[in-house]
PDB file of all heavy atoms in Angstrom:
ATOM      1  N   MET A   1       4.215  -8.991 -54.627  1.00  0.00           N
ATOM      2  CA  MET A   1       3.929  -9.814 -53.457  1.00  0.00           C
ATOM      3  C   MET A   1       3.223 -11.108 -53.857  1.00  0.00           C
ATOM      4  O   MET A   1       3.519 -12.173 -53.328  1.00  0.00           O
ATOM      5  CB  MET A   1       3.095  -9.025 -52.448  1.00  0.00           C
ATOM      6  CG  MET A   1       3.835  -7.888 -51.788  1.00  0.00           C
ATOM      7  SD  MET A   1       2.702  -6.898 -50.777  1.00  0.00           S
ATOM      8  CE  MET A   1       3.683  -5.427 -50.520  1.00  0.00           C
ATOM      9  N   VAL A   2       2.287 -11.003 -54.793  1.00  0.00           N
ATOM     10  CA  VAL A   2       1.585 -12.194 -55.284  1.00  0.00           C
ATOM     11  C   VAL A   2       2.578 -13.146 -55.956  1.00  0.00           C
ATOM     12  O   VAL A   2       2.553 -14.356 -55.720  1.00  0.00           O
ATOM     13  CB  VAL A   2       0.426 -11.810 -56.229  1.00  0.00           C
ATOM     14  CG1 VAL A   2      -0.127 -13.025 -56.961  1.00  0.00           C
ATOM     15  CG2 VAL A   2      -0.684 -11.114 -55.442  1.00  0.00           C
ATOM     16  N   LYS A   3       3.493 -12.609 -56.779  1.00  0.00           N
ATOM     17  CA  LYS A   3       4.518 -13.445 -57.431  1.00  0.00           C
ATOM     18  C   LYS A   3       5.380 -14.176 -56.408  1.00  0.00           C
ATOM     19  O   LYS A   3       5.877 -15.258 -56.672  1.00  0.00           O
ATOM     20  CB  LYS A   3       5.431 -12.582 -58.320  1.00  0.00           C
ATOM     21  CG  LYS A   3       4.830 -12.145 -59.616  1.00  0.00           C
ATOM     22  CD  LYS A   3       5.884 -11.357 -60.404  1.00  0.00           C
ATOM     23  CE  LYS A   3       5.274 -10.539 -61.497  1.00  0.00           C
ATOM     24  NZ  LYS A   3       6.269  -9.674 -62.160  1.00  0.00           N
ATOM     25  N   GLN A   4       5.586 -13.560 -55.251  1.00  0.00           N
ATOM     26  CA  GLN A   4       6.396 -14.146 -54.189  1.00  0.00           C
ATOM     27  C   GLN A   4       5.626 -15.191 -53.388  1.00  0.00           C
ATOM     28  O   GLN A   4       6.174 -15.792 -52.481  1.00  0.00           O
ATOM     29  CB  GLN A   4       6.897 -13.043 -53.234  1.00  0.00           C
ATOM     30  CG  GLN A   4       7.817 -12.064 -53.865  1.00  0.00           C
ATOM     31  CD  GLN A   4       8.073 -10.827 -53.017  1.00  0.00           C
ATOM     32  OE1 GLN A   4       8.845 -10.008 -53.425  1.00  0.00           O
ATOM     33  NE2 GLN A   4       7.438 -10.648 -51.866  1.00  0.00           N
ATOM     34  N   GLY A   5       4.350 -15.371 -53.685  1.00  0.00           N
ATOM     35  CA  GLY A   5       3.543 -16.345 -52.965  1.00  0.00           C
ATOM     36  C   GLY A   5       2.448 -15.743 -52.106  1.00  0.00           C
ATOM     37  O   GLY A   5       1.734 -16.452 -51.415  1.00  0.00           O
ATOM     38  N   GLY A   6       2.313 -14.451 -52.137  1.00  0.00           N
ATOM     39  CA  GLY A   6       1.246 -13.780 -51.392  1.00  0.00           C
ATOM     40  C   GLY A   6       1.721 -13.294 -50.040  1.00  0.00           C
ATOM     41  O   GLY A   6       2.832 -13.573 -49.602  1.00  0.00           O
ATOM     42  N   GLY A   7       0.858 -12.564 -49.403  1.00  0.00           N
ATOM     43  CA  GLY A   7       1.184 -11.949 -48.124  1.00  0.00           C
ATOM     44  C   GLY A   7       1.930 -10.649 -48.338  1.00  0.00           C
ATOM     45  O   GLY A   7       2.608 -10.462 -49.346  1.00  0.00           O
ATOM     46  N   GLY A   8       1.780  -9.755 -47.410  1.00  0.00           N
ATOM     47  CA  GLY A   8       2.451  -8.463 -47.472  1.00  0.00           C
ATOM     48  C   GLY A   8       1.538  -7.364 -46.970  1.00  0.00           C
ATOM     49  O   GLY A   8       0.381  -7.618 -46.597  1.00  0.00           O
ATOM     50  N   ARG A   9       2.069  -6.176 -46.954  1.00  0.00           N
ATOM     51  CA  ARG A   9       1.333  -5.027 -46.422  1.00  0.00           C
ATOM     52  C   ARG A   9       1.483  -3.838 -47.346  1.00  0.00           C
ATOM     53  O   ARG A   9       2.576  -3.553 -47.844  1.00  0.00           O
ATOM     54  CB  ARG A   9       1.872  -4.615 -45.049  1.00  0.00           C
ATOM     55  CG  ARG A   9       1.933  -5.720 -44.022  1.00  0.00           C
ATOM     56  CD  ARG A   9       0.547  -6.147 -43.582  1.00  0.00           C
ATOM     57  NE  ARG A   9       0.591  -7.218 -42.608  1.00  0.00           N
ATOM     58  CZ  ARG A   9       0.403  -8.504 -42.898  1.00  0.00           C
ATOM     59  NH1 ARG A   9       0.181  -8.892 -44.140  1.00  0.00           N
ATOM     60  NH2 ARG A   9       0.429  -9.412 -41.951  1.00  0.00           N
ATOM     61  N   ILE A  10       0.386  -3.128 -47.540  1.00  0.00           N
ATOM     62  CA  ILE A  10       0.405  -1.854 -48.258  1.00  0.00           C
ATOM     63  C   ILE A  10      -0.188  -0.813 -47.318  1.00  0.00           C
ATOM     64  O   ILE A  10      -1.317  -0.964 -46.844  1.00  0.00           O
ATOM     65  CB  ILE A  10      -0.392  -1.920 -49.573  1.00  0.00           C
ATOM     66  CG1 ILE A  10       0.223  -2.972 -50.498  1.00  0.00           C
ATOM     67  CG2 ILE A  10      -0.425  -0.542 -50.237  1.00  0.00           C
ATOM     68  CD1 ILE A  10      -0.562  -3.215 -51.764  1.00  0.00           C
ATOM     69  N   LEU A  11       0.593   0.212 -47.052  1.00  0.00           N
ATOM     70  CA  LEU A  11       0.182   1.280 -46.140  1.00  0.00           C
ATOM     71  C   LEU A  11       0.149   2.590 -46.909  1.00  0.00           C
ATOM     72  O   LEU A  11       1.116   2.946 -47.581  1.00  0.00           O
ATOM     73  CB  LEU A  11       1.175   1.401 -44.984  1.00  0.00           C
ATOM     74  CG  LEU A  11       1.494   0.114 -44.237  1.00  0.00           C
ATOM     75  CD1 LEU A  11       2.635   0.332 -43.255  1.00  0.00           C
ATOM     76  CD2 LEU A  11       0.260  -0.412 -43.531  1.00  0.00           C
ATOM     77  N   CYS A  12      -0.958   3.300 -46.815  1.00  0.00           N
ATOM     78  CA  CYS A  12      -1.123   4.585 -47.493  1.00  0.00           C
ATOM     79  C   CYS A  12      -1.470   5.635 -46.452  1.00  0.00           C
ATOM     80  O   CYS A  12      -2.452   5.485 -45.717  1.00  0.00           O
ATOM     81  CB  CYS A  12      -2.237   4.500 -48.544  1.00  0.00           C
ATOM     82  SG  CYS A  12      -1.917   3.329 -49.864  1.00  0.00           S
ATOM     83  N   LEU A  13      -0.676   6.679 -46.383  1.00  0.00           N
ATOM     84  CA  LEU A  13      -0.930   7.734 -45.415  1.00  0.00           C
ATOM     85  C   LEU A  13      -1.930   8.722 -45.975  1.00  0.00           C
ATOM     86  O   LEU A  13      -1.745   9.266 -47.057  1.00  0.00           O
ATOM     87  CB  LEU A  13       0.363   8.431 -45.021  1.00  0.00           C
ATOM     88  CG  LEU A  13       1.111   7.681 -43.914  1.00  0.00           C
ATOM     89  CD1 LEU A  13       1.707   6.395 -44.424  1.00  0.00           C
ATOM     90  CD2 LEU A  13       2.105   8.559 -43.248  1.00  0.00           C
ATOM     91  N   SER A  14      -2.977   8.948 -45.208  1.00  0.00           N
ATOM     92  CA  SER A  14      -3.998   9.905 -45.583  1.00  0.00           C
ATOM     93  C   SER A  14      -3.896  11.092 -44.638  1.00  0.00           C
ATOM     94  O   SER A  14      -2.816  11.394 -44.126  1.00  0.00           O
ATOM     95  CB  SER A  14      -5.390   9.250 -45.543  1.00  0.00           C
ATOM     96  OG  SER A  14      -6.354  10.155 -46.037  1.00  0.00           O
ATOM     97  N   SER A  15      -5.003  11.736 -44.388  1.00  0.00           N
ATOM     98  CA  SER A  15      -4.991  12.948 -43.575  1.00  0.00           C
ATOM     99  C   SER A  15      -6.407  13.270 -43.129  1.00  0.00           C
ATOM    100  O   SER A  15      -7.384  12.876 -43.771  1.00  0.00           O
ATOM    101  CB  SER A  15      -4.442  14.105 -44.414  1.00  0.00           C
ATOM    102  OG  SER A  15      -4.677  15.341 -43.791  1.00  0.00           O
ATOM    103  N   VAL A  16      -6.504  14.020 -42.062  1.00  0.00           N
ATOM    104  CA  VAL A  16      -7.794  14.525 -41.614  1.00  0.00           C
ATOM    105  C   VAL A  16      -8.437  15.391 -42.699  1.00  0.00           C
ATOM    106  O   VAL A  16      -9.650  15.570 -42.734  1.00  0.00           O
ATOM    107  CB  VAL A  16      -7.653  15.283 -40.271  1.00  0.00           C
ATOM    108  CG1 VAL A  16      -6.861  16.563 -40.452  1.00  0.00           C
ATOM    109  CG2 VAL A  16      -8.999  15.552 -39.638  1.00  0.00           C
ATOM    110  N   HIS A  17      -7.624  15.867 -43.642  1.00  0.00           N
ATOM    111  CA  HIS A  17      -8.147  16.678 -44.745  1.00  0.00           C
ATOM    112  C   HIS A  17      -9.102  15.876 -45.630  1.00  0.00           C
ATOM    113  O   HIS A  17      -9.885  16.456 -46.370  1.00  0.00           O
ATOM    114  CB  HIS A  17      -7.006  17.250 -45.594  1.00  0.00           C
ATOM    115  CG  HIS A  17      -6.228  18.302 -44.885  1.00  0.00           C
ATOM    116  ND1 HIS A  17      -6.343  19.634 -45.180  1.00  0.00           N
ATOM    117  CD2 HIS A  17      -5.331  18.215 -43.876  1.00  0.00           C
ATOM    118  CE1 HIS A  17      -5.550  20.333 -44.385  1.00  0.00           C
ATOM    119  NE2 HIS A  17      -4.921  19.493 -43.594  1.00  0.00           N
ATOM    120  N   GLY A  18      -9.059  14.555 -45.551  1.00  0.00           N
ATOM    121  CA  GLY A  18      -9.988  13.720 -46.295  1.00  0.00           C
ATOM    122  C   GLY A  18     -11.366  13.665 -45.663  1.00  0.00           C
ATOM    123  O   GLY A  18     -12.322  13.176 -46.274  1.00  0.00           O
ATOM    124  N   TYR A  19     -11.482  14.157 -44.437  1.00  0.00           N
ATOM    125  CA  TYR A  19     -12.754  14.122 -43.713  1.00  0.00           C
ATOM    126  C   TYR A  19     -13.437  15.479 -43.641  1.00  0.00           C
ATOM    127  O   TYR A  19     -14.649  15.548 -43.542  1.00  0.00           O
ATOM    128  CB  TYR A  19     -12.540  13.641 -42.269  1.00  0.00           C
ATOM    129  CG  TYR A  19     -12.131  12.214 -42.157  1.00  0.00           C
ATOM    130  CD1 TYR A  19     -10.810  11.865 -41.934  1.00  0.00           C
ATOM    131  CD2 TYR A  19     -13.065  11.187 -42.269  1.00  0.00           C
ATOM    132  CE1 TYR A  19     -10.423  10.544 -41.816  1.00  0.00           C
ATOM    133  CE2 TYR A  19     -12.684   9.866 -42.161  1.00  0.00           C
ATOM    134  CZ  TYR A  19     -11.371   9.554 -41.930  1.00  0.00           C
ATOM    135  OH  TYR A  19     -10.987   8.243 -41.822  1.00  0.00           O
ATOM    136  N   ARG A  20     -12.646  16.546 -43.604  1.00  0.00           N
ATOM    137  CA  ARG A  20     -13.239  17.876 -43.484  1.00  0.00           C
ATOM    138  C   ARG A  20     -12.502  18.859 -44.361  1.00  0.00           C
ATOM    139  O   ARG A  20     -11.408  18.577 -44.817  1.00  0.00           O
ATOM    140  CB  ARG A  20     -13.283  18.340 -42.036  1.00  0.00           C
ATOM    141  CG  ARG A  20     -11.932  18.561 -41.391  1.00  0.00           C
ATOM    142  CD  ARG A  20     -12.049  19.328 -40.109  1.00  0.00           C
ATOM    143  NE  ARG A  20     -12.345  20.720 -40.420  1.00  0.00           N
ATOM    144  CZ  ARG A  20     -11.994  21.727 -39.659  1.00  0.00           C
ATOM    145  NH1 ARG A  20     -11.368  21.525 -38.535  1.00  0.00           N
ATOM    146  NH2 ARG A  20     -12.280  22.963 -40.007  1.00  0.00           N
ATOM    147  N   ALA A  21     -13.101  20.002 -44.587  1.00  0.00           N
ATOM    148  CA  ALA A  21     -12.544  20.987 -45.511  1.00  0.00           C
ATOM    149  C   ALA A  21     -11.970  22.187 -44.771  1.00  0.00           C
ATOM    150  O   ALA A  21     -12.492  22.607 -43.738  1.00  0.00           O
ATOM    151  CB  ALA A  21     -13.623  21.451 -46.478  1.00  0.00           C
ATOM    152  N   TRP A  22     -10.898  22.719 -45.340  1.00  0.00           N
ATOM    153  CA  TRP A  22     -10.276  23.958 -44.903  1.00  0.00           C
ATOM    154  C   TRP A  22     -10.177  24.870 -46.119  1.00  0.00           C
ATOM    155  O   TRP A  22     -10.272  24.395 -47.256  1.00  0.00           O
ATOM    156  CB  TRP A  22      -8.868  23.702 -44.355  1.00  0.00           C
ATOM    157  CG  TRP A  22      -8.830  23.213 -42.952  1.00  0.00           C
ATOM    158  CD1 TRP A  22      -8.799  23.975 -41.824  1.00  0.00           C
ATOM    159  CD2 TRP A  22      -8.809  21.852 -42.512  1.00  0.00           C
ATOM    160  NE1 TRP A  22      -8.763  23.169 -40.705  1.00  0.00           N
ATOM    161  CE2 TRP A  22      -8.767  21.855 -41.103  1.00  0.00           C
ATOM    162  CE3 TRP A  22      -8.830  20.621 -43.162  1.00  0.00           C
ATOM    163  CZ2 TRP A  22      -8.734  20.701 -40.341  1.00  0.00           C
ATOM    164  CZ3 TRP A  22      -8.804  19.467 -42.400  1.00  0.00           C
ATOM    165  CH2 TRP A  22      -8.760  19.515 -41.021  1.00  0.00           C
ATOM    166  N   PRO A  23      -9.924  26.151 -45.927  1.00  0.00           N
ATOM    167  CA  PRO A  23      -9.724  27.028 -47.078  1.00  0.00           C
ATOM    168  C   PRO A  23      -8.541  26.556 -47.937  1.00  0.00           C
ATOM    169  O   PRO A  23      -7.543  26.058 -47.406  1.00  0.00           O
ATOM    170  CB  PRO A  23      -9.422  28.393 -46.443  1.00  0.00           C
ATOM    171  CG  PRO A  23     -10.077  28.328 -45.090  1.00  0.00           C
ATOM    172  CD  PRO A  23      -9.921  26.886 -44.654  1.00  0.00           C
ATOM    173  N   ALA A  24      -8.665  26.706 -49.236  1.00  0.00           N
ATOM    174  CA  ALA A  24      -7.611  26.369 -50.200  1.00  0.00           C
ATOM    175  C   ALA A  24      -7.178  24.913 -50.099  1.00  0.00           C
ATOM    176  O   ALA A  24      -6.018  24.574 -50.263  1.00  0.00           O
ATOM    177  CB  ALA A  24      -6.416  27.307 -50.036  1.00  0.00           C
ATOM    178  N   ASP A  25      -8.142  24.024 -49.849  1.00  0.00           N
ATOM    179  CA  ASP A  25      -7.873  22.619 -49.520  1.00  0.00           C
ATOM    180  C   ASP A  25      -8.525  21.645 -50.502  1.00  0.00           C
ATOM    181  O   ASP A  25      -8.427  20.443 -50.320  1.00  0.00           O
ATOM    182  CB  ASP A  25      -8.423  22.388 -48.100  1.00  0.00           C
ATOM    183  CG  ASP A  25      -8.275  20.993 -47.596  1.00  0.00           C
ATOM    184  OD1 ASP A  25      -7.136  20.509 -47.529  1.00  0.00           O
ATOM    185  OD2 ASP A  25      -9.307  20.392 -47.255  1.00  0.00           O
ATOM    186  N   THR A  26      -9.171  22.131 -51.531  1.00  0.00           N
ATOM    187  CA  THR A  26     -10.001  21.282 -52.380  1.00  0.00           C
ATOM    188  C   THR A  26      -9.244  20.093 -52.964  1.00  0.00           C
ATOM    189  O   THR A  26      -9.626  18.945 -52.764  1.00  0.00           O
ATOM    190  CB  THR A  26     -10.637  22.101 -53.516  1.00  0.00           C
ATOM    191  OG1 THR A  26     -11.418  23.147 -52.942  1.00  0.00           O
ATOM    192  CG2 THR A  26     -11.516  21.240 -54.395  1.00  0.00           C
ATOM    193  N   ALA A  27      -8.186  20.329 -53.711  1.00  0.00           N
ATOM    194  CA  ALA A  27      -7.488  19.241 -54.407  1.00  0.00           C
ATOM    195  C   ALA A  27      -6.871  18.260 -53.412  1.00  0.00           C
ATOM    196  O   ALA A  27      -7.017  17.047 -53.558  1.00  0.00           O
ATOM    197  CB  ALA A  27      -6.423  19.803 -55.343  1.00  0.00           C
ATOM    198  N   TYR A  28      -6.195  18.772 -52.401  1.00  0.00           N
ATOM    199  CA  TYR A  28      -5.562  17.907 -51.403  1.00  0.00           C
ATOM    200  C   TYR A  28      -6.608  17.088 -50.656  1.00  0.00           C
ATOM    201  O   TYR A  28      -6.462  15.871 -50.485  1.00  0.00           O
ATOM    202  CB  TYR A  28      -4.736  18.752 -50.434  1.00  0.00           C
ATOM    203  CG  TYR A  28      -4.006  17.953 -49.393  1.00  0.00           C
ATOM    204  CD1 TYR A  28      -2.885  17.214 -49.734  1.00  0.00           C
ATOM    205  CD2 TYR A  28      -4.424  17.950 -48.059  1.00  0.00           C
ATOM    206  CE1 TYR A  28      -2.195  16.482 -48.778  1.00  0.00           C
ATOM    207  CE2 TYR A  28      -3.752  17.224 -47.098  1.00  0.00           C
ATOM    208  CZ  TYR A  28      -2.636  16.493 -47.463  1.00  0.00           C
ATOM    209  OH  TYR A  28      -1.954  15.768 -46.503  1.00  0.00           O
ATOM    210  N   GLY A  29      -7.678  17.737 -50.214  1.00  0.00           N
ATOM    211  CA  GLY A  29      -8.731  17.043 -49.482  1.00  0.00           C
ATOM    212  C   GLY A  29      -9.404  15.963 -50.311  1.00  0.00           C
ATOM    213  O   GLY A  29      -9.679  14.861 -49.826  1.00  0.00           O
ATOM    214  N   ILE A  30      -9.659  16.242 -51.569  1.00  0.00           N
ATOM    215  CA  ILE A  30     -10.273  15.241 -52.448  1.00  0.00           C
ATOM    216  C   ILE A  30      -9.332  14.055 -52.624  1.00  0.00           C
ATOM    217  O   ILE A  30      -9.763  12.903 -52.612  1.00  0.00           O
ATOM    218  CB  ILE A  30     -10.665  15.871 -53.793  1.00  0.00           C
ATOM    219  CG1 ILE A  30     -11.908  16.735 -53.591  1.00  0.00           C
ATOM    220  CG2 ILE A  30     -10.896  14.819 -54.866  1.00  0.00           C
ATOM    221  CD1 ILE A  30     -12.288  17.571 -54.773  1.00  0.00           C
ATOM    222  N   CYS A  31      -8.048  14.320 -52.786  1.00  0.00           N
ATOM    223  CA  CYS A  31      -7.085  13.224 -52.913  1.00  0.00           C
ATOM    224  C   CYS A  31      -7.086  12.343 -51.675  1.00  0.00           C
ATOM    225  O   CYS A  31      -7.084  11.112 -51.777  1.00  0.00           O
ATOM    226  CB  CYS A  31      -5.684  13.770 -53.159  1.00  0.00           C
ATOM    227  SG  CYS A  31      -5.466  14.415 -54.824  1.00  0.00           S
TER     228      CYS A  31
END
């Protein structure tokens, strides 16, 4: 995008798992 002159969008989908913990959720939640 910078090579093209700048501007653009980067969207990354996260999850509620990044805010709270569930059983067997450690690696996914940390990510």
